[in-house]
Amino acid sequence: MKIAIAQINPIIGDFNYNFDKIMNFADRAKQLSCDLIVFPELVITGYPPRDLLEKKDFVEANLKCLNKLIESIHGIGVICGFVDKNPDKEGKALYNSAALFENSVLLHQVKKRLLPNYDVFDDSRYFEPGLSCESYTYKGRRIGLTICEDIWNDRDIIKKRIYHLDPVSLLIQDGADLIINISASPFYVGKNKLKTDMLGSIAGKYNVPLLYVNQVGGNDSILFDGLSAAFDQHGQIKARACDFEEDIVVFDTEPQKREHSPEENLHSISGSDTESILKALIMGTRDYATKCGFSKVVLGLSGGIDSALTAYIATKAMGRDNVLAVSMPSMYTAEENINDAEKLAENLGIELKEIPIEGLFREFTRLLSPSFNESNPTVAQQNIQARIRGTILMAFSNMHGSLLLSTGNKSELSVGYCTLYGDMSGGLAVIADVPKTIVYDIARFINSEKEYIPQRIIEKTPSAELKPNQTDQDDLPPYEILDPVLNGYIEELKGIDELVKMGFERSLVEDVVRRVDQNEYKRRQAPPALKVTSKAFGDGRRYPLAQGYTGIEGLRD
């Protein structure tokens, strides 16, 4: 059986768009003489639909779209994900389902059994779990059809299993000789190797081919890398779609009938984690802007590394004619930063406007307090400057209908080194899940092709430039020390004692932890951030704002 693997980028709730996209890929698969085409999880609705699932008309529209597809696609079998109703009087109202249909006939349907409820996942909020694992014979193969999480519970691979059953093993027991998994599996850096090793291991363990079809694209903060793949019965990868782009690849279950060598069906992917993060951010920025109805973006350009990287990503995502950069120097801004911002804009081919804020800042401080000291501005005065800039940027956003991109990185956001209603203003935080050290890595990677980012921007000491001769390290540990502490505390969930055992000074660790915990209120008000690490701020990290746990003091005796 010749099977097309179709990783597509749906728009949540745009059923006409998704219908046309599915039809288009089905036609492409027929032109390739395929017997079956497989689409991702919940491809009809787009994933994750979240509380749209509470709207009855949304569910009905998704079923109408499915029925129209069943009636419209002929000459090829189709597997796709959709939302089905639960007719029982008990349990959740919906099922996360997959259908196999051909020539106007619904042949087989499965319901997702394992419903994740961690990190960004909320499946159990909406869906009732399926109760059975039954394979289905189609064109001479016994297909074991699974949905995303159903394949993530192999006892030989997953160290801490959170479910009590393994749908794949149950399907094998039922006679399945081909496992198909349709997914909407979010990206984070480093996940691809884990996923590839796991899928190959499962195929080899059960001596059956395995097809994995993943959604691609960005939906709000969540990014999907695609990287759909097919493994033979020995666990060897034989077909692979590219990453961060729509793609279609073909796999034949009969080795002797494969028309191409395996290498010809292995499409190119990122060569490093740094490259994959950059691709993810470009895709995520483009999808967030366009799916929200924006064709243009605006951002502040300071001459520093963070805004430089954000400008590059915006240019690649939206096109240089659709990016406006605004330089807003103050009396504390170094001339070299003004020049570097101009050079960067020239390199990228984007428009740059310069609006000095010194006069506005002086008027603010005059009105607010005669006691403000211009030669050594307080935090309140520093924040006024950031908020002046935020107001100017929001004005351009409103004037031109452009999406404002905020430019802060994860290291700063973690410890609250940012200003509410100032540099945090915006509709999308492009690099807010990228640690500062990785920001530099990405910049160097970009410049390995061509010097888009002036080298001086990469080499200079980072500074917010809100007071004379200011550097980030006046208030923060060096980023090469800060970032590992933040990674251990936020992503690896290590406590203070564990971090100290890693070799960090206790006073430093306690200070960083205190800053992280105290600034949750800021992050709650931040724009959505594109998720590229295993634990990003936002939906996947839910901490209370009003709480007294510090992790520093123990219980009194």
Protein backbone atom coordinates (compact mmCIF):
# COMPACT_ATOMS: atom_id res chain seq x y z
CA MET A 1 0.00 0.00 0.00
CA LYS A 2 1.36 3.39 -1.03
CA ILE A 3 0.65 5.96 1.67
CA ALA A 4 0.97 9.75 1.51
CA ILE A 5 1.98 11.51 4.73
CA ALA A 6 0.49 15.01 4.67
CA GLN A 7 1.71 17.45 7.30
CA ILE A 8 -0.35 20.59 6.89
CA ASN A 9 -0.84 23.88 8.68
CA PRO A 10 -4.55 24.33 9.50
CA ILE A 11 -6.15 27.49 10.86
CA ILE A 12 -8.15 26.86 14.01
CA GLY A 13 -11.85 27.14 13.26
CA ASP A 14 -11.47 28.16 9.59
CA PHE A 15 -13.30 25.15 8.21
CA ASN A 16 -13.40 26.39 4.63
CA TYR A 17 -9.66 26.95 4.62
CA ASN A 18 -8.97 23.58 6.21
CA PHE A 19 -11.37 21.82 3.82
CA ASP A 20 -9.62 23.33 0.79
CA LYS A 21 -6.20 22.46 2.19
CA ILE A 22 -7.18 18.82 2.77
CA MET A 23 -8.70 18.59 -0.70
CA ASN A 24 -5.56 20.03 -2.27
CA PHE A 25 -3.26 17.55 -0.54
CA ALA A 26 -5.59 14.66 -1.37
CA ASP A 27 -5.36 15.62 -5.03
CA ARG A 28 -1.57 15.74 -4.79
CA ALA A 29 -1.55 12.27 -3.24
CA LYS A 30 -3.73 10.90 -6.04
CA GLN A 31 -1.31 12.36 -8.59
CA LEU A 32 1.40 10.38 -6.80
CA SER A 33 -0.72 7.21 -7.24
CA CYS A 34 -1.17 6.77 -3.50
CA ASP A 35 -3.77 4.41 -2.02
CA LEU A 36 -4.13 6.31 1.26
CA ILE A 37 -3.38 9.78 2.61
CA VAL A 38 -2.99 10.50 6.32
CA PHE A 39 -3.55 13.91 7.95
CA PRO A 40 -2.75 15.11 11.50
CA GLU A 41 -4.75 15.06 14.72
CA LEU A 42 -7.84 17.33 14.77
CA VAL A 43 -6.84 18.61 11.34
CA ILE A 44 -10.43 19.64 10.59
CA THR A 45 -10.63 22.00 13.57
CA GLY A 46 -6.96 22.82 13.93
CA TYR A 47 -5.15 22.11 17.20
CA PRO A 48 -5.60 23.20 19.94
CA PRO A 49 -9.19 24.49 19.58
CA ARG A 50 -9.43 25.08 23.35
CA ASP A 51 -12.78 26.44 24.59
CA LEU A 52 -14.14 26.74 21.06
CA LEU A 53 -15.04 23.13 21.79
CA GLU A 54 -17.65 24.42 24.22
CA LYS A 55 -19.54 26.02 21.33
CA LYS A 56 -22.11 23.61 19.88
CA ASP A 57 -22.06 25.32 16.49
CA PHE A 58 -18.26 24.88 16.33
CA VAL A 59 -18.59 21.13 16.86
CA GLU A 60 -21.41 20.96 14.30
CA ALA A 61 -19.33 22.88 11.75
CA ASN A 62 -16.46 20.42 12.24
CA LEU A 63 -18.79 17.45 11.64
CA LYS A 64 -20.26 19.15 8.59
CA CYS A 65 -16.75 19.63 7.22
CA LEU A 66 -15.93 15.96 7.82
CA ASN A 67 -19.09 14.82 6.03
CA LYS A 68 -18.35 17.13 3.12
CA LEU A 69 -14.85 15.65 2.84
CA ILE A 70 -16.26 12.12 2.90
CA GLU A 71 -18.63 13.04 0.08
CA SER A 72 -16.02 14.98 -1.95
CA ILE A 73 -12.84 12.86 -1.93
CA HIS A 74 -12.88 9.83 -4.21
CA GLY A 75 -10.23 7.49 -5.53
CA ILE A 76 -8.10 7.47 -2.39
CA GLY A 77 -8.52 6.51 1.24
CA VAL A 78 -8.24 9.26 3.85
CA ILE A 79 -7.38 9.27 7.55
CA CYS A 80 -7.93 12.54 9.39
CA GLY A 81 -8.62 13.86 12.87
CA PHE A 82 -11.87 15.51 13.95
CA VAL A 83 -14.10 16.13 16.98
CA ASP A 84 -17.00 13.75 17.56
CA LYS A 85 -19.90 13.91 19.98
CA ASN A 86 -20.28 11.56 22.91
CA PRO A 87 -23.91 10.31 22.80
CA ASP A 88 -23.76 8.78 26.29
CA LYS A 89 -25.47 10.52 29.19
CA GLU A 90 -22.28 10.30 31.27
CA GLY A 91 -18.77 11.57 30.63
CA LYS A 92 -17.39 14.52 28.69
CA ALA A 93 -19.41 15.69 25.72
CA LEU A 94 -16.77 15.08 23.04
CA TYR A 95 -14.24 12.61 21.66
CA ASN A 96 -10.92 13.41 20.03
CA SER A 97 -11.40 11.12 17.05
CA ALA A 98 -9.91 9.90 13.81
CA ALA A 99 -11.77 8.65 10.76
CA LEU A 100 -10.81 6.40 7.86
CA PHE A 101 -13.03 6.88 4.83
CA GLU A 102 -13.00 6.14 1.11
CA ASN A 103 -15.39 6.82 -1.76
CA SER A 104 -18.16 8.35 0.38
CA VAL A 105 -18.05 5.58 2.99
CA LEU A 106 -16.85 5.97 6.60
CA LEU A 107 -14.95 2.71 7.10
CA HIS A 108 -13.43 3.00 10.56
CA GLN A 109 -13.30 5.40 13.50
CA VAL A 110 -11.15 5.52 16.63
CA LYS A 111 -11.24 7.63 19.76
CA LYS A 112 -8.13 8.91 21.52
CA ARG A 113 -7.52 6.87 24.67
CA LEU A 114 -4.76 8.77 26.45
CA LEU A 115 -5.71 12.38 27.17
CA PRO A 116 -2.78 14.55 28.30
CA ASN A 117 -3.37 17.15 30.97
CA TYR A 118 0.09 18.64 31.55
CA ASP A 119 2.18 21.51 30.23
CA VAL A 120 0.16 23.09 27.37
CA PHE A 121 -2.25 20.16 27.02
CA ASP A 122 -5.88 20.26 28.16
CA ASP A 123 -7.36 17.20 26.43
CA SER A 124 -9.07 15.85 29.51
CA ARG A 125 -10.81 19.22 29.98
CA TYR A 126 -12.89 18.56 26.87
CA PHE A 127 -12.71 14.93 25.81
CA GLU A 128 -13.91 11.57 27.04
CA PRO A 129 -11.27 8.86 26.59
CA GLY A 130 -11.93 6.06 24.14
CA LEU A 131 -12.56 2.65 25.66
CA SER A 132 -11.27 0.25 23.01
CA CYS A 133 -8.27 -0.40 20.78
CA GLU A 134 -9.37 -2.18 17.63
CA SER A 135 -7.37 -2.57 14.45
CA TYR A 136 -8.97 -2.47 11.01
CA THR A 137 -8.15 -4.31 7.80
CA TYR A 138 -7.65 -2.00 4.84
CA LYS A 139 -6.13 -2.98 1.49
CA GLY A 140 -4.56 -6.08 2.97
CA ARG A 141 -3.01 -4.42 6.01
CA ARG A 142 -4.30 -4.53 9.56
CA ILE A 143 -4.07 -0.87 10.63
CA GLY A 144 -3.67 0.11 14.26
CA LEU A 145 -4.75 3.75 14.27
CA THR A 146 -3.64 5.89 17.23
CA ILE A 147 -3.91 9.57 18.10
CA CYS A 148 -0.86 11.50 19.39
CA GLU A 149 -0.50 10.70 23.12
CA ASP A 150 -1.66 7.11 22.52
CA ILE A 151 1.84 6.28 21.35
CA TRP A 152 3.68 8.00 24.22
CA ASN A 153 3.35 5.31 26.89
CA ASP A 154 5.65 2.46 25.94
CA ARG A 155 6.91 0.81 29.13
CA ASP A 156 10.36 0.20 27.64
CA ILE A 157 10.86 3.87 26.70
CA ILE A 158 8.93 6.13 29.06
CA LYS A 159 10.63 6.14 32.47
CA LYS A 160 7.64 7.42 34.43
CA ARG A 161 4.42 6.27 32.78
CA ILE A 162 1.41 8.37 33.71
CA TYR A 163 -1.18 6.08 32.14
CA HIS A 164 -2.10 2.54 33.04
CA LEU A 165 -2.46 1.19 29.51
CA ASP A 166 -0.50 1.18 26.28
CA PRO A 167 -2.79 1.46 23.23
CA VAL A 168 -0.04 0.39 20.82
CA SER A 169 0.57 -2.92 22.59
CA LEU A 170 -3.19 -3.55 22.68
CA LEU A 171 -3.45 -2.92 18.94
CA ILE A 172 -0.57 -5.30 18.28
CA GLN A 173 -2.36 -7.92 20.36
CA ASP A 174 -5.42 -7.31 18.17
CA GLY A 175 -3.39 -8.18 15.08
CA ALA A 176 -2.23 -4.80 13.83
CA ASP A 177 0.65 -5.07 11.34
CA LEU A 178 0.84 -1.33 10.57
CA ILE A 179 0.74 1.39 13.23
CA ILE A 180 -0.41 4.87 12.17
CA ASN A 181 -0.19 7.76 14.61
CA ILE A 182 -1.81 11.11 13.80
CA SER A 183 -0.46 13.90 15.98
CA ALA A 184 -0.42 17.55 16.92
CA SER A 185 2.81 17.29 18.90
CA PRO A 186 4.29 20.68 19.88
CA PHE A 187 7.91 21.57 19.27
CA TYR A 188 10.53 22.26 21.88
CA VAL A 189 14.26 22.21 21.37
CA GLY A 190 15.73 18.71 21.72
CA LYS A 191 12.42 16.89 21.37
CA ASN A 192 13.00 15.62 17.84
CA LYS A 193 15.72 13.13 18.81
CA LEU A 194 13.62 11.77 21.67
CA LYS A 195 10.63 11.39 19.38
CA THR A 196 12.57 9.79 16.52
CA ASP A 197 14.29 7.31 18.85
CA MET A 198 10.98 6.42 20.47
CA LEU A 199 9.07 5.87 17.23
CA GLY A 200 11.86 3.82 15.71
CA SER A 201 12.13 1.73 18.86
CA ILE A 202 8.39 0.97 18.86
CA ALA A 203 8.45 -0.07 15.20
CA GLY A 204 11.43 -2.35 15.76
CA LYS A 205 10.07 -3.76 19.01
CA TYR A 206 6.82 -4.94 17.40
CA ASN A 207 8.35 -5.65 13.97
CA VAL A 208 5.76 -3.50 12.15
CA PRO A 209 6.00 -0.37 10.02
CA LEU A 210 4.99 2.82 11.83
CA LEU A 211 3.74 6.08 10.29
CA TYR A 212 3.77 9.31 12.27
CA VAL A 213 1.94 12.33 10.86
CA ASN A 214 2.34 15.62 12.72
CA GLN A 215 0.75 19.04 12.37
CA VAL A 216 3.01 21.90 11.32
CA GLY A 217 2.67 25.63 11.96
CA GLY A 218 2.08 28.03 14.81
CA ASN A 219 -1.13 28.43 16.78
CA ASP A 220 -0.83 31.19 19.37
CA SER A 221 2.23 30.37 21.49
CA ILE A 222 2.40 26.72 20.47
CA LEU A 223 4.62 25.75 17.54
CA PHE A 224 4.48 22.49 15.60
CA ASP A 225 7.54 21.38 13.69
CA GLY A 226 6.02 18.71 11.45
CA LEU A 227 8.86 16.22 10.96
CA SER A 228 6.36 13.53 10.04
CA ALA A 229 8.06 10.22 9.33
CA ALA A 230 7.70 6.58 8.36
CA PHE A 231 9.70 3.74 9.91
CA ASP A 232 10.02 0.23 8.56
CA GLN A 233 9.55 -2.91 10.64
CA HIS A 234 13.21 -2.76 11.71
CA GLY A 235 12.78 0.74 13.15
CA GLN A 236 14.72 2.41 10.33
CA ILE A 237 13.43 5.75 9.11
CA LYS A 238 12.43 5.50 5.45
CA ALA A 239 10.52 8.71 4.82
CA ARG A 240 10.65 12.06 6.57
CA ALA A 241 8.99 15.39 5.94
CA CYS A 242 10.85 18.64 6.43
CA ASP A 243 10.58 20.75 9.56
CA PHE A 244 8.52 23.93 10.02
CA GLU A 245 6.94 23.76 6.55
CA GLU A 246 3.99 22.00 4.99
CA ASP A 247 5.14 18.87 3.18
CA ILE A 248 4.06 15.57 1.73
CA VAL A 249 6.14 12.39 1.60
CA VAL A 250 5.30 8.89 0.41
CA PHE A 251 5.88 5.50 2.03
CA ASP A 252 5.09 2.12 0.50
CA THR A 253 4.47 -0.71 2.95
CA GLU A 254 5.98 -3.16 0.44
CA PRO A 255 9.76 -2.61 0.27
CA GLN A 256 10.09 -4.08 -3.21
CA LYS A 257 7.62 -1.54 -4.57
CA ARG A 258 9.38 1.56 -3.29
CA GLU A 259 10.19 3.66 -6.31
CA HIS A 260 12.92 5.76 -4.75
CA SER A 261 15.89 5.19 -2.53
CA PRO A 262 15.31 6.06 1.15
CA GLU A 263 17.55 9.11 0.81
CA GLU A 264 15.27 10.62 -1.85
CA ASN A 265 12.31 10.45 0.51
CA LEU A 266 14.15 11.99 3.47
CA HIS A 267 13.52 15.69 3.11
CA SER A 268 16.02 18.16 4.55
CA ILE A 269 15.66 19.34 8.14
CA SER A 270 17.52 21.66 10.51
CA GLY A 271 21.12 20.73 11.12
CA SER A 272 21.29 21.99 14.70
CA ASP A 273 19.15 23.02 17.65
CA THR A 274 20.07 26.64 16.95
CA GLU A 275 18.76 26.41 13.40
CA SER A 276 15.56 24.69 14.52
CA ILE A 277 14.85 27.42 17.09
CA LEU A 278 15.35 30.11 14.46
CA LYS A 279 13.05 28.34 11.99
CA ALA A 280 10.45 27.88 14.73
CA LEU A 281 10.50 31.57 15.63
CA ILE A 282 10.19 32.70 12.02
CA MET A 283 7.30 30.31 11.38
CA GLY A 284 5.62 31.21 14.66
CA THR A 285 5.85 34.95 14.04
CA ARG A 286 4.48 34.61 10.52
CA ASP A 287 1.61 32.35 11.56
CA TYR A 288 0.63 34.38 14.61
CA ALA A 289 0.56 37.61 12.62
CA THR A 290 -1.25 36.29 9.54
CA LYS A 291 -3.71 34.08 11.41
CA CYS A 292 -4.63 37.09 13.55
CA GLY A 293 -5.16 39.21 10.44
CA PHE A 294 -1.95 41.28 10.45
CA SER A 295 0.17 41.86 7.36
CA LYS A 296 2.65 44.30 8.96
CA VAL A 297 4.66 44.44 12.18
CA VAL A 298 6.42 47.16 14.16
CA LEU A 299 9.16 46.94 16.80
CA GLY A 300 11.57 49.10 18.72
CA LEU A 301 15.19 48.94 17.57
CA SER A 302 17.70 49.89 20.26
CA GLY A 303 21.00 48.81 18.77
CA GLY A 304 21.08 45.84 21.15
CA ILE A 305 21.13 42.13 20.45
CA ASP A 306 17.53 41.29 21.40
CA SER A 307 15.85 43.82 19.15
CA ALA A 308 18.33 42.99 16.38
CA LEU A 309 17.38 39.31 16.46
CA THR A 310 13.68 40.15 16.64
CA ALA A 311 14.03 42.44 13.62
CA TYR A 312 15.75 39.70 11.63
CA ILE A 313 13.03 37.17 12.52
CA ALA A 314 10.31 39.68 11.64
CA THR A 315 11.91 40.40 8.28
CA LYS A 316 12.17 36.72 7.38
CA ALA A 317 8.63 36.08 8.58
CA MET A 318 6.80 39.04 7.05
CA GLY A 319 9.03 40.40 4.31
CA ARG A 320 11.15 43.54 4.58
CA ASP A 321 8.44 45.84 3.20
CA ASN A 322 6.13 44.86 6.05
CA VAL A 323 8.48 45.66 8.95
CA LEU A 324 8.79 49.07 10.59
CA ALA A 325 11.56 49.61 13.14
CA VAL A 326 11.55 52.62 15.48
CA SER A 327 14.69 53.95 17.17
CA MET A 328 13.94 56.02 20.28
CA PRO A 329 17.22 57.33 21.69
CA SER A 330 17.44 59.21 24.97
CA MET A 331 20.23 61.26 26.56
CA TYR A 332 21.64 57.95 27.84
CA THR A 333 21.80 56.26 24.42
CA ALA A 334 25.32 55.73 23.08
CA GLU A 335 25.98 57.04 19.58
CA GLU A 336 27.25 53.62 18.55
CA ASN A 337 23.85 52.10 19.35
CA ILE A 338 22.09 54.62 17.12
CA ASN A 339 24.57 53.80 14.35
CA ASP A 340 24.21 50.05 14.89
CA ALA A 341 20.41 50.28 14.64
CA GLU A 342 20.76 52.21 11.37
CA LYS A 343 23.24 49.65 9.99
CA LEU A 344 21.01 46.73 10.96
CA ALA A 345 17.98 48.31 9.29
CA GLU A 346 20.07 48.91 6.18
CA ASN A 347 21.30 45.29 6.17
CA LEU A 348 17.76 43.97 6.49
CA GLY A 349 16.25 46.46 4.08
CA ILE A 350 13.58 47.58 6.55
CA GLU A 351 12.24 51.07 7.25
CA LEU A 352 13.66 52.81 10.33
CA LYS A 353 12.16 55.86 12.00
CA GLU A 354 14.06 57.78 14.68
CA ILE A 355 12.07 59.53 17.42
CA PRO A 356 14.19 60.92 20.28
CA ILE A 357 12.48 60.75 23.68
CA GLU A 358 14.70 63.13 25.69
CA GLY A 359 12.20 65.99 25.58
CA LEU A 360 9.28 63.79 26.59
CA PHE A 361 11.29 62.26 29.41
CA ARG A 362 12.32 65.66 30.80
CA GLU A 363 8.70 66.83 30.74
CA PHE A 364 7.51 63.69 32.51
CA THR A 365 10.10 64.03 35.27
CA ARG A 366 9.38 67.76 35.65
CA LEU A 367 5.67 67.13 36.12
CA LEU A 368 6.02 64.13 38.41
CA SER A 369 8.71 65.16 40.84
CA PRO A 370 11.22 68.01 41.05
CA SER A 371 13.41 65.74 43.17
CA PHE A 372 14.18 63.28 40.34
CA ASN A 373 17.93 63.08 39.70
CA GLU A 374 18.79 63.05 36.02
CA SER A 375 22.43 62.07 36.56
CA ASN A 376 21.45 58.92 38.47
CA PRO A 377 17.85 58.03 37.56
CA THR A 378 15.84 55.93 39.99
CA VAL A 379 14.02 52.81 38.88
CA ALA A 380 10.86 54.90 38.59
CA GLN A 381 12.61 57.26 36.17
CA GLN A 382 14.05 54.36 34.20
CA ASN A 383 10.58 52.84 33.86
CA ILE A 384 9.18 56.15 32.60
CA GLN A 385 11.58 55.98 29.67
CA ALA A 386 10.52 52.43 28.84
CA ARG A 387 6.86 53.45 29.04
CA ILE A 388 7.38 56.45 26.79
CA ARG A 389 8.86 54.10 24.21
CA GLY A 390 6.00 51.63 24.67
CA THR A 391 3.47 54.41 24.09
CA ILE A 392 5.21 55.51 20.90
CA LEU A 393 5.33 51.97 19.57
CA MET A 394 1.67 51.38 20.38
CA ALA A 395 0.85 54.60 18.52
CA PHE A 396 2.54 53.26 15.37
CA SER A 397 0.75 49.95 15.86
CA ASN A 398 -2.60 51.73 16.03
CA MET A 399 -1.85 54.12 13.17
CA HIS A 400 -0.82 51.45 10.70
CA GLY A 401 -2.75 48.43 11.96
CA SER A 402 0.57 46.69 12.62
CA LEU A 403 1.31 44.00 15.17
CA LEU A 404 3.71 45.27 17.80
CA LEU A 405 6.48 42.79 18.56
CA SER A 406 8.10 42.98 21.99
CA THR A 407 11.77 42.12 22.05
CA GLY A 408 12.62 40.86 25.55
CA ASN A 409 14.32 37.50 26.08
CA LYS A 410 13.55 34.69 28.56
CA SER A 411 16.39 35.53 30.94
CA GLU A 412 15.08 39.05 31.48
CA LEU A 413 11.45 37.98 31.70
CA SER A 414 12.34 35.29 34.23
CA VAL A 415 13.80 37.71 36.75
CA GLY A 416 11.56 40.68 35.99
CA TYR A 417 14.26 42.73 34.26
CA CYS A 418 11.60 44.37 32.12
CA THR A 419 8.96 47.08 32.45
CA LEU A 420 5.21 46.54 32.48
CA TYR A 421 3.51 48.77 29.89
CA GLY A 422 6.95 49.67 28.61
CA ASP A 423 9.26 47.26 26.81
CA MET A 424 6.73 44.51 27.60
CA SER A 425 4.10 46.24 25.44
CA GLY A 426 3.09 44.32 22.36
CA GLY A 427 0.91 41.72 20.75
CA LEU A 428 3.57 39.00 20.48
CA ALA A 429 6.75 38.33 22.46
CA VAL A 430 8.91 36.77 19.78
CA ILE A 431 11.97 35.68 21.79
CA ALA A 432 10.51 35.62 25.32
CA ASP A 433 11.22 31.88 25.58
CA VAL A 434 14.80 32.22 24.31
CA PRO A 435 17.51 32.57 27.00
CA LYS A 436 20.01 35.37 26.46
CA THR A 437 22.92 33.02 25.79
CA ILE A 438 20.88 31.33 23.06
CA VAL A 439 20.03 34.73 21.59
CA TYR A 440 23.74 35.19 20.98
CA ASP A 441 24.06 31.68 19.52
CA ILE A 442 21.26 32.39 17.04
CA ALA A 443 22.79 35.73 16.07
CA ARG A 444 26.13 34.08 15.36
CA PHE A 445 24.35 31.37 13.34
CA ILE A 446 22.57 34.03 11.26
CA ASN A 447 25.85 35.79 10.57
CA SER A 448 27.54 32.57 9.46
CA GLU A 449 25.70 33.07 6.18
CA LYS A 450 26.08 36.85 5.93
CA GLU A 451 26.61 39.66 8.42
CA TYR A 452 23.01 40.74 8.80
CA ILE A 453 23.53 41.71 12.45
CA PRO A 454 26.46 44.12 12.83
CA GLN A 455 29.24 42.36 14.69
CA ARG A 456 29.50 45.17 17.21
CA ILE A 457 25.94 44.40 18.37
CA ILE A 458 27.01 40.85 19.19
CA GLU A 459 30.23 41.89 20.89
CA LYS A 460 29.07 44.87 22.99
CA THR A 461 28.12 44.60 26.66
CA PRO A 462 24.32 44.41 26.93
CA SER A 463 22.59 47.43 28.46
CA ALA A 464 19.07 48.77 28.86
CA GLU A 465 20.58 52.30 28.62
CA LEU A 466 18.15 53.83 31.09
CA LYS A 467 20.85 55.59 33.09
CA PRO A 468 24.49 56.61 32.50
CA ASN A 469 26.97 53.79 31.79
CA GLN A 470 24.41 51.13 32.67
CA THR A 471 25.00 47.43 31.92
CA ASP A 472 22.76 44.44 32.57
CA GLN A 473 25.37 43.02 34.91
CA ASP A 474 24.90 45.95 37.26
CA ASP A 475 21.71 44.20 38.37
CA LEU A 476 22.05 40.62 37.14
CA PRO A 477 24.62 37.82 37.29
CA PRO A 478 26.50 37.23 34.01
CA TYR A 479 24.14 35.50 31.59
CA GLU A 480 26.43 32.48 31.27
CA ILE A 481 25.78 31.90 34.99
CA LEU A 482 22.19 33.15 35.17
CA ASP A 483 20.86 31.01 32.31
CA PRO A 484 21.92 27.62 33.74
CA VAL A 485 20.34 28.55 37.08
CA LEU A 486 17.11 29.59 35.34
CA ASN A 487 17.10 26.43 33.25
CA GLY A 488 17.52 24.27 36.33
CA TYR A 489 14.81 26.07 38.29
CA ILE A 490 12.22 26.65 35.55
CA GLU A 491 12.65 23.78 33.09
CA GLU A 492 14.17 21.05 35.24
CA LEU A 493 12.17 22.01 38.37
CA LYS A 494 15.23 21.79 40.62
CA GLY A 495 15.06 23.20 44.14
CA ILE A 496 17.53 25.58 45.73
CA ASP A 497 19.59 22.85 47.40
CA GLU A 498 19.86 20.93 44.12
CA LEU A 499 21.07 24.04 42.31
CA VAL A 500 23.65 24.71 45.01
CA LYS A 501 24.92 21.14 44.64
CA MET A 502 25.46 21.90 40.95
CA GLY A 503 28.12 24.41 42.02
CA PHE A 504 26.22 27.71 42.15
CA GLU A 505 26.59 30.02 45.15
CA ARG A 506 23.63 29.77 47.52
CA SER A 507 23.19 33.54 47.79
CA LEU A 508 23.06 33.83 44.00
CA VAL A 509 20.58 30.96 43.65
CA GLU A 510 18.31 32.33 46.36
CA ASP A 511 18.34 35.76 44.76
CA VAL A 512 17.49 34.37 41.31
CA VAL A 513 14.71 32.16 42.69
CA ARG A 514 13.26 35.09 44.63
CA ARG A 515 13.23 37.24 41.49
CA VAL A 516 11.58 34.54 39.42
CA ASP A 517 8.84 33.95 41.97
CA GLN A 518 8.18 37.62 42.69
CA ASN A 519 7.73 38.54 39.04
CA GLU A 520 4.99 36.09 38.15
CA TYR A 521 2.55 39.03 38.08
CA LYS A 522 4.57 40.67 35.30
CA ARG A 523 4.64 37.56 33.17
CA ARG A 524 0.89 37.11 33.58
CA GLN A 525 0.47 40.47 31.82
CA ALA A 526 3.05 39.85 29.10
CA PRO A 527 2.16 39.22 25.44
CA PRO A 528 1.98 35.59 24.33
CA ALA A 529 5.45 34.14 23.81
CA LEU A 530 6.47 31.65 21.14
CA LYS A 531 7.30 28.42 22.95
CA VAL A 532 10.63 26.81 22.03
CA THR A 533 11.79 25.28 25.34
CA SER A 534 10.35 22.40 27.34
CA LYS A 535 8.88 24.79 29.94
CA ALA A 536 7.80 28.21 28.76
CA PHE A 537 5.98 30.93 30.65
CA GLY A 538 2.28 30.99 29.88
CA ASP A 539 -0.26 28.19 29.60
CA GLY A 540 2.30 25.49 30.35
CA ARG A 541 3.51 27.00 33.63
CA ARG A 542 0.70 27.87 36.00
CA TYR A 543 1.78 29.41 39.27
CA PRO A 544 -0.35 31.48 41.66
CA LEU A 545 0.31 35.20 41.90
CA ALA A 546 -0.52 35.51 45.59
CA GLN A 547 1.48 32.86 47.43
CA GLY A 548 4.02 32.57 50.21
CA TYR A 549 6.21 29.62 49.22
CA THR A 550 9.82 30.61 48.64
CA GLY A 551 11.68 27.31 48.75
CA ILE A 552 14.26 29.00 50.98
CA GLU A 553 13.05 28.67 54.54
CA GLY A 554 11.99 25.30 55.87
CA LEU A 555 9.18 24.59 58.32
CA ARG A 556 9.75 25.80 61.87
CA ASP A 557 10.61 23.05 64.33
